[in-house]
């Protein structure tokens, strides 16, 4: 599993994610990002991420997300006020 940030999502972060997915199709990727707008999360999932979580998430939620993704599920969490 890769846990990665999505640096500058409008400038190549999604392309890098697509490349990881192309080179390693079975490898789950969790994006842990400062960008918590829904559009970033959905675009990351469309680009091949297995999950998306804000960097301000509680440690327990990060562990839950990892477990969900490793069990083959998708995980997305975005604060409601964004």
Protein backbone atom coordinates (compact mmCIF):
# COMPACT_ATOMS: atom_id res chain seq x y z
CA UNK A 1 0.00 0.00 0.00
CA UNK A 2 1.10 3.54 -0.77
CA UNK A 3 0.03 6.42 1.45
CA UNK A 4 0.81 9.62 -0.36
CA UNK A 5 0.02 13.29 -0.51
CA UNK A 6 -1.46 14.81 -3.64
CA UNK A 7 0.96 17.69 -4.13
CA UNK A 8 -0.54 20.48 -6.17
CA UNK A 9 -3.46 18.45 -7.47
CA UNK A 10 -3.91 20.69 -10.49
CA UNK A 11 -0.27 20.29 -11.51
CA UNK A 12 0.49 16.65 -12.04
CA UNK A 13 -0.56 14.92 -8.86
CA UNK A 14 -3.30 13.07 -10.68
CA UNK A 15 -0.93 12.12 -13.49
CA UNK A 16 1.47 10.61 -10.97
CA UNK A 17 -1.41 8.67 -9.44
CA UNK A 18 -2.43 7.37 -12.87
CA UNK A 19 1.17 6.29 -13.53
CA UNK A 20 1.34 4.40 -10.24
CA UNK A 21 -1.94 2.68 -11.10
CA UNK A 22 -0.63 1.78 -14.57
CA UNK A 23 2.69 0.41 -13.29
CA UNK A 24 1.29 -1.32 -10.20
CA UNK A 25 -2.43 -2.00 -10.81
CA UNK A 26 -2.95 -4.14 -7.70
CA UNK A 27 -1.23 -1.74 -5.30
CA UNK A 28 -3.76 0.22 -3.19
CA UNK A 29 -3.13 3.96 -2.87
CA UNK A 30 -4.50 6.14 -0.07
CA UNK A 31 -4.25 9.87 -0.64
CA UNK A 32 -3.69 11.82 2.56
CA UNK A 33 -4.04 15.47 1.61
CA UNK A 34 -4.49 19.04 2.77
CA UNK A 35 -6.90 19.47 -0.14
CA UNK A 36 -10.26 18.50 1.33
CA UNK A 37 -12.69 19.70 -1.32
CA UNK A 38 -14.93 16.96 -2.71
CA UNK A 39 -13.71 17.61 -6.24
CA UNK A 40 -10.15 16.61 -5.30
CA UNK A 41 -11.29 13.42 -3.62
CA UNK A 42 -13.49 12.32 -6.49
CA UNK A 43 -10.84 13.14 -9.07
CA UNK A 44 -8.28 11.15 -7.08
CA UNK A 45 -10.61 8.15 -7.03
CA UNK A 46 -11.21 8.50 -10.76
CA UNK A 47 -7.43 8.59 -11.26
CA UNK A 48 -6.99 5.32 -9.42
CA UNK A 49 -6.77 6.06 -5.69
CA UNK A 50 -8.32 3.54 -3.35
CA UNK A 51 -9.08 6.16 -0.75
CA UNK A 52 -8.87 9.83 0.18
CA UNK A 53 -8.50 11.35 3.62
CA UNK A 54 -7.72 14.83 4.91
CA UNK A 55 -4.43 15.28 6.76
CA UNK A 56 -6.36 16.57 9.75
CA UNK A 57 -8.06 13.19 10.23
CA UNK A 58 -7.73 11.53 13.62
CA UNK A 59 -5.19 8.69 13.87
CA UNK A 60 -8.02 6.20 14.45
CA UNK A 61 -9.67 7.25 11.21
CA UNK A 62 -6.40 6.82 9.31
CA UNK A 63 -6.08 3.27 10.68
CA UNK A 64 -9.70 2.56 9.76
CA UNK A 65 -9.12 3.85 6.23
CA UNK A 66 -6.02 1.66 5.83
CA UNK A 67 -7.91 -1.41 7.04
CA UNK A 68 -10.84 -0.72 4.70
CA UNK A 69 -8.58 -0.26 1.71
CA UNK A 70 -6.47 -3.33 2.47
CA UNK A 71 -9.69 -5.36 2.65
CA UNK A 72 -10.48 -4.29 -0.92
CA UNK A 73 -12.92 -1.46 -0.18
CA UNK A 74 -12.76 2.22 -1.07
CA UNK A 75 -12.59 4.89 1.62
CA UNK A 76 -13.31 8.58 1.33
CA UNK A 77 -13.63 11.14 4.12
CA UNK A 78 -14.03 14.86 3.58
CA UNK A 79 -15.11 17.38 6.21
CA UNK A 80 -18.74 18.42 5.72
CA UNK A 81 -17.96 22.17 5.82
CA UNK A 82 -15.82 22.16 2.67
